[in-house]
Each structure stands twice: as structure tokens, then as C-alpha cells.
Amino acid sequence: MAYKITDACISCGACVDQCPTSCISEGTPYVINAPECIACGACANTCPVSACVQE
């Protein structure tokens, strides 16, 4: 199950460098391309505000 980024995102970009598939794009909030997400949890583990959650 892919991850998504909620409105709690503060657009800090911490998750972007941690994503092994580079499926996170900049925005407010940042956006995860679900078909490319491998549900590894790297984004959730690095997010300082817990904005990355599984769908």
C-alpha cells in the first residue's frame, strides 16, 4: 500500500532525499506518485511532523 503526504506537511523536503524511487515531488504539501511508491516507509521514518502515512 503506497504512502501519501497529508496536509500536516511543512514542506521541509526531508523525505525527498530518503525516497529510493524518487517518487516525491515538491509542492505544498509535497506529493508522492503512488504508482512509483514501493511502500518502504523511508519518508515516514524521516518526516519530522509524521505527515507521511500509508493509504
Protein backbone atom coordinates (compact mmCIF):
# COMPACT_ATOMS: atom_id res chain seq x y z
CA MET A 1 0.00 0.00 0.00
CA ALA A 2 1.51 3.32 -1.10
CA TYR A 3 2.23 6.24 1.18
CA LYS A 4 0.70 9.69 0.87
CA ILE A 5 1.61 13.04 2.36
CA THR A 6 -1.06 14.73 4.44
CA ASP A 7 -1.80 18.41 4.97
CA ALA A 8 0.40 18.26 8.08
CA CYS A 9 3.38 18.54 5.68
CA ILE A 10 5.55 21.58 6.38
CA SER A 11 7.35 21.27 3.02
CA CYS A 12 10.76 20.81 4.65
CA GLY A 13 11.91 18.32 1.99
CA ALA A 14 13.39 15.83 4.46
CA CYS A 15 11.56 12.96 2.78
CA VAL A 16 12.75 13.69 -0.76
CA ASP A 17 16.36 12.60 -0.31
CA GLN A 18 15.32 9.48 1.59
CA CYS A 19 12.99 8.10 -1.11
CA PRO A 20 14.76 5.30 -3.04
CA THR A 21 12.42 5.63 -6.04
CA SER A 22 12.42 9.45 -6.20
CA CYS A 23 8.63 9.46 -6.33
CA ILE A 24 8.18 12.52 -4.09
CA SER A 25 7.74 15.87 -5.80
CA GLU A 26 7.87 19.36 -4.37
CA GLY A 27 4.67 21.15 -3.52
CA THR A 28 2.63 22.38 -0.62
CA PRO A 29 2.25 19.74 0.63
CA TYR A 30 4.78 17.52 -1.12
CA VAL A 31 3.21 14.78 -3.28
CA ILE A 32 4.00 11.07 -3.62
CA ASN A 33 3.42 9.44 -7.00
CA ALA A 34 1.54 6.38 -5.72
CA PRO A 35 2.26 4.04 -8.69
CA GLU A 36 6.01 4.56 -8.17
CA CYS A 37 5.89 4.22 -4.36
CA ILE A 38 7.24 0.88 -3.09
CA ALA A 39 5.86 1.43 0.44
CA CYS A 40 9.28 1.20 2.06
CA GLY A 41 8.44 3.75 4.76
CA ALA A 42 11.60 5.83 4.32
CA CYS A 43 9.54 9.00 4.05
CA ALA A 44 7.55 8.22 7.18
CA ASN A 45 10.69 7.41 9.14
CA THR A 46 12.29 10.77 8.31
CA CYS A 47 9.28 13.11 8.44
CA PRO A 48 9.57 15.42 11.48
CA VAL A 49 5.79 16.01 11.62
CA SER A 50 4.54 12.50 10.73
CA ALA A 51 2.91 13.73 7.53
CA CYS A 52 3.73 10.56 5.53
CA VAL A 53 1.12 7.89 6.10
CA GLN A 54 0.09 4.69 4.35
CA GLU A 55 -3.05 4.97 2.24
